[in-house]
Amino acid sequence: MPWYEGPALLEHLETVPVMADRNLTEMRFPVQYVIRPDLDFRGFAGQVSSGVIRKGDAVTVLPSGGPPREVDS
């Protein structure tokens, strides 16, 4: 591109410091799969992308923003 003189996107991303950007206070858990073997149970599968979660922590589900639920396992 003749109008852009900066580094390529991949070249720039390889230089971004990621370890200093760790977020240990706000837990993020993108849900990748909903497990629903019957009508009495709904489980969520995914990977914690930031933060820490422990049994007994209150969790708010977004985007609904419903009332917080306690983590039980």
PDB file of N, CA and C in Angstrom:
ATOM      1  N   MET A   1       0.848  -1.178   0.000  1.00  0.00           N
ATOM      2  CA  MET A   1       0.000   0.000   0.000  1.00  0.00           C
ATOM      3  C   MET A   1       0.893   1.240   0.000  1.00  0.00           C
ATOM      4  N   PRO A   2       0.821   2.025  -1.012  1.00  0.00           N
ATOM      5  CA  PRO A   2       1.708   3.176  -1.112  1.00  0.00           C
ATOM      6  C   PRO A   2       1.435   4.260  -0.058  1.00  0.00           C
ATOM      7  N   TRP A   3       0.245   4.294   0.521  1.00  0.00           N
ATOM      8  CA  TRP A   3      -0.084   5.348   1.480  1.00  0.00           C
ATOM      9  C   TRP A   3       0.306   4.989   2.908  1.00  0.00           C
ATOM     10  N   TYR A   4       0.663   3.738   3.181  1.00  0.00           N
ATOM     11  CA  TYR A   4       1.008   3.306   4.537  1.00  0.00           C
ATOM     12  C   TYR A   4       2.486   2.987   4.618  1.00  0.00           C
ATOM     13  N   GLU A   5       3.168   3.605   5.586  1.00  0.00           N
ATOM     14  CA  GLU A   5       4.609   3.415   5.724  1.00  0.00           C
ATOM     15  C   GLU A   5       5.003   2.715   7.012  1.00  0.00           C
ATOM     16  N   GLY A   6       4.025   2.265   7.795  1.00  0.00           N
ATOM     17  CA  GLY A   6       4.328   1.605   9.066  1.00  0.00           C
ATOM     18  C   GLY A   6       4.611   0.120   8.887  1.00  0.00           C
ATOM     19  N   PRO A   7       4.803  -0.584  10.014  1.00  0.00           N
ATOM     20  CA  PRO A   7       5.085  -2.021   9.936  1.00  0.00           C
ATOM     21  C   PRO A   7       3.841  -2.801   9.521  1.00  0.00           C
ATOM     22  N   ALA A   8       4.062  -4.007   9.030  1.00  0.00           N
ATOM     23  CA  ALA A   8       2.940  -4.894   8.711  1.00  0.00           C
ATOM     24  C   ALA A   8       2.231  -5.273  10.009  1.00  0.00           C
ATOM     25  N   LEU A   9       0.960  -5.632   9.929  1.00  0.00           N
ATOM     26  CA  LEU A   9       0.188  -5.945  11.123  1.00  0.00           C
ATOM     27  C   LEU A   9       0.831  -7.068  11.935  1.00  0.00           C
ATOM     28  N   LEU A  10       1.203  -8.161  11.307  1.00  0.00           N
ATOM     29  CA  LEU A  10       1.823  -9.271  12.022  1.00  0.00           C
ATOM     30  C   LEU A  10       3.139  -8.846  12.660  1.00  0.00           C
ATOM     31  N   GLU A  11       3.907  -8.066  11.963  1.00  0.00           N
ATOM     32  CA  GLU A  11       5.174  -7.566  12.508  1.00  0.00           C
ATOM     33  C   GLU A  11       4.930  -6.741  13.765  1.00  0.00           C
ATOM     34  N   HIS A  12       3.905  -5.909  13.750  1.00  0.00           N
ATOM     35  CA  HIS A  12       3.567  -5.102  14.927  1.00  0.00           C
ATOM     36  C   HIS A  12       3.071  -5.975  16.075  1.00  0.00           C
ATOM     37  N   LEU A  13       2.185  -6.939  15.788  1.00  0.00           N
ATOM     38  CA  LEU A  13       1.634  -7.801  16.834  1.00  0.00           C
ATOM     39  C   LEU A  13       2.705  -8.634  17.522  1.00  0.00           C
ATOM     40  N   GLU A  14       3.740  -8.997  16.800  1.00  0.00           N
ATOM     41  CA  GLU A  14       4.828  -9.772  17.395  1.00  0.00           C
ATOM     42  C   GLU A  14       5.656  -8.963  18.379  1.00  0.00           C
ATOM     43  N   THR A  15       5.532  -7.650  18.378  1.00  0.00           N
ATOM     44  CA  THR A  15       6.298  -6.802  19.292  1.00  0.00           C
ATOM     45  C   THR A  15       5.468  -6.293  20.468  1.00  0.00           C
ATOM     46  N   VAL A  16       4.167  -6.565  20.498  1.00  0.00           N
ATOM     47  CA  VAL A  16       3.302  -6.072  21.576  1.00  0.00           C
ATOM     48  C   VAL A  16       3.565  -6.881  22.841  1.00  0.00           C
ATOM     49  N   PRO A  17       3.888  -6.228  23.973  1.00  0.00           N
ATOM     50  CA  PRO A  17       4.123  -6.968  25.221  1.00  0.00           C
ATOM     51  C   PRO A  17       2.788  -7.473  25.794  1.00  0.00           C
ATOM     52  N   VAL A  18       2.661  -8.769  25.964  1.00  0.00           N
ATOM     53  CA  VAL A  18       1.395  -9.327  26.452  1.00  0.00           C
ATOM     54  C   VAL A  18       1.442  -9.704  27.923  1.00  0.00           C
ATOM     55  N   MET A  19       2.584 -10.030  28.471  1.00  0.00           N
ATOM     56  CA  MET A  19       2.659 -10.440  29.872  1.00  0.00           C
ATOM     57  C   MET A  19       2.329  -9.299  30.825  1.00  0.00           C
ATOM     58  N   ALA A  20       2.653  -8.074  30.454  1.00  0.00           N
ATOM     59  CA  ALA A  20       2.361  -6.942  31.322  1.00  0.00           C
ATOM     60  C   ALA A  20       0.892  -6.576  31.284  1.00  0.00           C
ATOM     61  N   ASP A  21       0.121  -7.205  30.427  1.00  0.00           N
ATOM     62  CA  ASP A  21      -1.281  -6.854  30.254  1.00  0.00           C
ATOM     63  C   ASP A  21      -2.221  -7.889  30.876  1.00  0.00           C
ATOM     64  N   ARG A  22      -1.722  -8.702  31.807  1.00  0.00           N
ATOM     65  CA  ARG A  22      -2.546  -9.732  32.433  1.00  0.00           C
ATOM     66  C   ARG A  22      -3.572  -9.100  33.351  1.00  0.00           C
ATOM     67  N   ASN A  23      -4.785  -9.569  33.264  1.00  0.00           N
ATOM     68  CA  ASN A  23      -5.876  -9.067  34.095  1.00  0.00           C
ATOM     69  C   ASN A  23      -6.256 -10.172  35.068  1.00  0.00           C
ATOM     70  N   LEU A  24      -5.921  -9.997  36.338  1.00  0.00           N
ATOM     71  CA  LEU A  24      -6.221 -11.013  37.331  1.00  0.00           C
ATOM     72  C   LEU A  24      -7.429 -10.649  38.186  1.00  0.00           C
ATOM     73  N   THR A  25      -8.061  -9.506  37.928  1.00  0.00           N
ATOM     74  CA  THR A  25      -9.186  -9.100  38.767  1.00  0.00           C
ATOM     75  C   THR A  25     -10.533  -9.338  38.097  1.00  0.00           C
ATOM     76  N   GLU A  26     -10.661  -9.083  36.821  1.00  0.00           N
ATOM     77  CA  GLU A  26     -11.937  -9.247  36.132  1.00  0.00           C
ATOM     78  C   GLU A  26     -11.922 -10.548  35.338  1.00  0.00           C
ATOM     79  N   MET A  27     -12.737 -11.507  35.762  1.00  0.00           N
ATOM     80  CA  MET A  27     -12.755 -12.811  35.125  1.00  0.00           C
ATOM     81  C   MET A  27     -13.546 -12.747  33.829  1.00  0.00           C
ATOM     82  N   ARG A  28     -12.980 -13.322  32.784  1.00  0.00           N
ATOM     83  CA  ARG A  28     -13.658 -13.433  31.483  1.00  0.00           C
ATOM     84  C   ARG A  28     -13.693 -14.897  31.095  1.00  0.00           C
ATOM     85  N   PHE A  29     -14.879 -15.382  30.717  1.00  0.00           N
ATOM     86  CA  PHE A  29     -15.068 -16.786  30.357  1.00  0.00           C
ATOM     87  C   PHE A  29     -15.967 -16.852  29.129  1.00  0.00           C
ATOM     88  N   PRO A  30     -15.388 -16.735  27.933  1.00  0.00           N
ATOM     89  CA  PRO A  30     -16.215 -16.835  26.733  1.00  0.00           C
ATOM     90  C   PRO A  30     -16.794 -18.253  26.618  1.00  0.00           C
ATOM     91  N   VAL A  31     -18.112 -18.345  26.561  1.00  0.00           N
ATOM     92  CA  VAL A  31     -18.774 -19.644  26.461  1.00  0.00           C
ATOM     93  C   VAL A  31     -18.669 -20.141  25.025  1.00  0.00           C
ATOM     94  N   GLN A  32     -18.144 -21.345  24.870  1.00  0.00           N
ATOM     95  CA  GLN A  32     -17.984 -21.929  23.549  1.00  0.00           C
ATOM     96  C   GLN A  32     -19.003 -23.018  23.276  1.00  0.00           C
ATOM     97  N   TYR A  33     -19.574 -23.577  24.349  1.00  0.00           N
ATOM     98  CA  TYR A  33     -20.506 -24.687  24.178  1.00  0.00           C
ATOM     99  C   TYR A  33     -21.427 -24.748  25.388  1.00  0.00           C
ATOM    100  N   VAL A  34     -22.721 -24.923  25.166  1.00  0.00           N
ATOM    101  CA  VAL A  34     -23.698 -25.093  26.240  1.00  0.00           C
ATOM    102  C   VAL A  34     -24.044 -26.572  26.322  1.00  0.00           C
ATOM    103  N   ILE A  35     -23.868 -27.147  27.518  1.00  0.00           N
ATOM    104  CA  ILE A  35     -24.130 -28.569  27.749  1.00  0.00           C
ATOM    105  C   ILE A  35     -25.499 -28.690  28.401  1.00  0.00           C
ATOM    106  N   ARG A  36     -26.416 -29.342  27.719  1.00  0.00           N
ATOM    107  CA  ARG A  36     -27.775 -29.454  28.236  1.00  0.00           C
ATOM    108  C   ARG A  36     -28.272 -30.891  28.038  1.00  0.00           C
ATOM    109  N   PRO A  37     -27.851 -31.830  28.924  1.00  0.00           N
ATOM    110  CA  PRO A  37     -28.260 -33.222  28.749  1.00  0.00           C
ATOM    111  C   PRO A  37     -29.740 -33.450  29.017  1.00  0.00           C
ATOM    112  N   ASP A  38     -30.354 -32.602  29.849  1.00  0.00           N
ATOM    113  CA  ASP A  38     -31.796 -32.675  30.111  1.00  0.00           C
ATOM    114  C   ASP A  38     -32.278 -31.287  30.515  1.00  0.00           C
ATOM    115  N   LEU A  39     -33.558 -31.139  30.813  1.00  0.00           N
ATOM    116  CA  LEU A  39     -34.122 -29.820  31.113  1.00  0.00           C
ATOM    117  C   LEU A  39     -33.764 -29.305  32.502  1.00  0.00           C
ATOM    118  N   ASP A  40     -33.175 -30.153  33.361  1.00  0.00           N
ATOM    119  CA  ASP A  40     -32.851 -29.746  34.727  1.00  0.00           C
ATOM    120  C   ASP A  40     -31.424 -29.240  34.898  1.00  0.00           C
ATOM    121  N   PHE A  41     -30.628 -29.305  33.851  1.00  0.00           N
ATOM    122  CA  PHE A  41     -29.221 -28.916  33.972  1.00  0.00           C
ATOM    123  C   PHE A  41     -28.780 -28.131  32.743  1.00  0.00           C
ATOM    124  N   ARG A  42     -27.991 -27.092  32.990  1.00  0.00           N
ATOM    125  CA  ARG A  42     -27.369 -26.349  31.896  1.00  0.00           C
ATOM    126  C   ARG A  42     -25.940 -26.018  32.321  1.00  0.00           C
ATOM    127  N   GLY A  43     -24.985 -26.588  31.625  1.00  0.00           N
ATOM    128  CA  GLY A  43     -23.584 -26.325  31.907  1.00  0.00           C
ATOM    129  C   GLY A  43     -22.970 -25.519  30.779  1.00  0.00           C
ATOM    130  N   PHE A  44     -21.899 -24.832  31.101  1.00  0.00           N
ATOM    131  CA  PHE A  44     -21.225 -23.996  30.114  1.00  0.00           C
ATOM    132  C   PHE A  44     -19.782 -24.444  29.987  1.00  0.00           C
ATOM    133  N   ALA A  45     -19.314 -24.601  28.767  1.00  0.00           N
ATOM    134  CA  ALA A  45     -17.935 -25.006  28.514  1.00  0.00           C
ATOM    135  C   ALA A  45     -17.217 -23.885  27.779  1.00  0.00           C
ATOM    136  N   GLY A  46     -15.973 -23.682  28.141  1.00  0.00           N
ATOM    137  CA  GLY A  46     -15.154 -22.659  27.509  1.00  0.00           C
ATOM    138  C   GLY A  46     -13.804 -22.619  28.184  1.00  0.00           C
ATOM    139  N   GLN A  47     -13.093 -21.519  28.006  1.00  0.00           N
ATOM    140  CA  GLN A  47     -11.776 -21.367  28.603  1.00  0.00           C
ATOM    141  C   GLN A  47     -11.701 -19.998  29.260  1.00  0.00           C
ATOM    142  N   VAL A  48     -11.219 -19.947  30.493  1.00  0.00           N
ATOM    143  CA  VAL A  48     -11.033 -18.668  31.183  1.00  0.00           C
ATOM    144  C   VAL A  48      -9.964 -17.887  30.434  1.00  0.00           C
ATOM    145  N   SER A  49     -10.337 -16.720  29.914  1.00  0.00           N
ATOM    146  CA  SER A  49      -9.393 -15.921  29.140  1.00  0.00           C
ATOM    147  C   SER A  49      -8.683 -14.875  29.980  1.00  0.00           C
ATOM    148  N   SER A  50      -9.247 -14.513  31.138  1.00  0.00           N
ATOM    149  CA  SER A  50      -8.555 -13.592  32.041  1.00  0.00           C
ATOM    150  C   SER A  50      -9.158 -13.720  33.431  1.00  0.00           C
ATOM    151  N   GLY A  51      -8.386 -13.318  34.414  1.00  0.00           N
ATOM    152  CA  GLY A  51      -8.869 -13.329  35.778  1.00  0.00           C
ATOM    153  C   GLY A  51      -8.783 -14.700  36.429  1.00  0.00           C
ATOM    154  N   VAL A  52      -9.330 -14.764  37.644  1.00  0.00           N
ATOM    155  CA  VAL A  52      -9.313 -15.983  38.443  1.00  0.00           C
ATOM    156  C   VAL A  52     -10.710 -16.176  39.012  1.00  0.00           C
ATOM    157  N   ILE A  53     -11.182 -17.415  39.048  1.00  0.00           N
ATOM    158  CA  ILE A  53     -12.488 -17.707  39.627  1.00  0.00           C
ATOM    159  C   ILE A  53     -12.335 -18.844  40.623  1.00  0.00           C
ATOM    160  N   ARG A  54     -13.066 -18.733  41.748  1.00  0.00           N
ATOM    161  CA  ARG A  54     -13.005 -19.743  42.799  1.00  0.00           C
ATOM    162  C   ARG A  54     -14.416 -20.141  43.197  1.00  0.00           C
ATOM    163  N   LYS A  55     -14.528 -21.314  43.798  1.00  0.00           N
ATOM    164  CA  LYS A  55     -15.814 -21.777  44.292  1.00  0.00           C
ATOM    165  C   LYS A  55     -16.375 -20.746  45.272  1.00  0.00           C
ATOM    166  N   GLY A  56     -17.646 -20.400  45.080  1.00  0.00           N
ATOM    167  CA  GLY A  56     -18.303 -19.416  45.936  1.00  0.00           C
ATOM    168  C   GLY A  56     -18.312 -18.006  45.372  1.00  0.00           C
ATOM    169  N   ASP A  57     -17.541 -17.738  44.310  1.00  0.00           N
ATOM    170  CA  ASP A  57     -17.534 -16.410  43.684  1.00  0.00           C
ATOM    171  C   ASP A  57     -18.872 -16.149  42.998  1.00  0.00           C
ATOM    172  N   ALA A  58     -19.323 -14.913  43.024  1.00  0.00           N
ATOM    173  CA  ALA A  58     -20.543 -14.521  42.314  1.00  0.00           C
ATOM    174  C   ALA A  58     -20.210 -14.264  40.851  1.00  0.00           C
ATOM    175  N   VAL A  59     -21.072 -14.734  39.962  1.00  0.00           N
ATOM    176  CA  VAL A  59     -20.847 -14.608  38.527  1.00  0.00           C
ATOM    177  C   VAL A  59     -22.071 -13.956  37.889  1.00  0.00           C
ATOM    178  N   THR A  60     -21.863 -12.941  37.079  1.00  0.00           N
ATOM    179  CA  THR A  60     -22.931 -12.309  36.312  1.00  0.00           C
ATOM    180  C   THR A  60     -22.771 -12.713  34.858  1.00  0.00           C
ATOM    181  N   VAL A  61     -23.846 -13.194  34.263  1.00  0.00           N
ATOM    182  CA  VAL A  61     -23.810 -13.640  32.872  1.00  0.00           C
ATOM    183  C   VAL A  61     -24.196 -12.477  31.967  1.00  0.00           C
ATOM    184  N   LEU A  62     -23.351 -12.207  30.983  1.00  0.00           N
ATOM    185  CA  LEU A  62     -23.631 -11.145  30.021  1.00  0.00           C
ATOM    186  C   LEU A  62     -23.994 -11.778  28.683  1.00  0.00           C
ATOM    187  N   PRO A  63     -24.777 -11.196  27.846  1.00  0.00           N
ATOM    188  CA  PRO A  63     -25.226  -9.815  27.865  1.00  0.00           C
ATOM    189  C   PRO A  63     -26.499  -9.583  28.665  1.00  0.00           C
ATOM    190  N   SER A  64     -27.130 -10.640  29.213  1.00  0.00           N
ATOM    191  CA  SER A  64     -28.394 -10.446  29.927  1.00  0.00           C
ATOM    192  C   SER A  64     -28.222  -9.608  31.183  1.00  0.00           C
ATOM    193  N   GLY A  65     -27.085  -9.756  31.878  1.00  0.00           N
ATOM    194  CA  GLY A  65     -26.841  -8.987  33.090  1.00  0.00           C
ATOM    195  C   GLY A  65     -27.759  -9.389  34.224  1.00  0.00           C
ATOM    196  N   GLY A  66     -28.271 -10.592  34.186  1.00  0.00           N
ATOM    197  CA  GLY A  66     -29.180 -11.081  35.231  1.00  0.00           C
ATOM    198  C   GLY A  66     -28.513 -11.096  36.589  1.00  0.00           C
ATOM    199  N   PRO A  67     -29.258 -11.542  37.613  1.00  0.00           N
ATOM    200  CA  PRO A  67     -28.692 -11.545  38.961  1.00  0.00           C
ATOM    201  C   PRO A  67     -27.493 -12.481  39.060  1.00  0.00           C
ATOM    202  N   PRO A  68     -26.499 -12.118  39.870  1.00  0.00           N
ATOM    203  CA  PRO A  68     -25.308 -12.967  40.005  1.00  0.00           C
ATOM    204  C   PRO A  68     -25.652 -14.333  40.579  1.00  0.00           C
ATOM    205  N   ARG A  69     -24.928 -15.344  40.118  1.00  0.00           N
ATOM    206  CA  ARG A  69     -25.067 -16.698  40.628  1.00  0.00           C
ATOM    207  C   ARG A  69     -23.754 -17.113  41.264  1.00  0.00           C
ATOM    208  N   GLU A  70     -23.840 -18.015  42.225  1.00  0.00           N
ATOM    209  CA  GLU A  70     -22.651 -18.505  42.904  1.00  0.00           C
ATOM    210  C   GLU A  70     -22.057 -19.687  42.150  1.00  0.00           C
ATOM    211  N   VAL A  71     -20.738 -19.690  42.042  1.00  0.00           N
ATOM    212  CA  VAL A  71     -20.042 -20.801  41.402  1.00  0.00           C
ATOM    213  C   VAL A  71     -20.014 -21.955  42.394  1.00  0.00           C
ATOM    214  N   ASP A  72     -20.470 -23.152  41.956  1.00  0.00           N
ATOM    215  CA  ASP A  72     -20.527 -24.275  42.900  1.00  0.00           C
ATOM    216  C   ASP A  72     -19.571 -25.410  42.576  1.00  0.00           C
ATOM    217  N   SER A  73     -18.822 -25.330  41.502  1.00  0.00           N
ATOM    218  CA  SER A  73     -17.833 -26.379  41.235  1.00  0.00           C
ATOM    219  C   SER A  73     -16.772 -25.889  40.287  1.00  0.00           C
TER     220      SER A  73
END
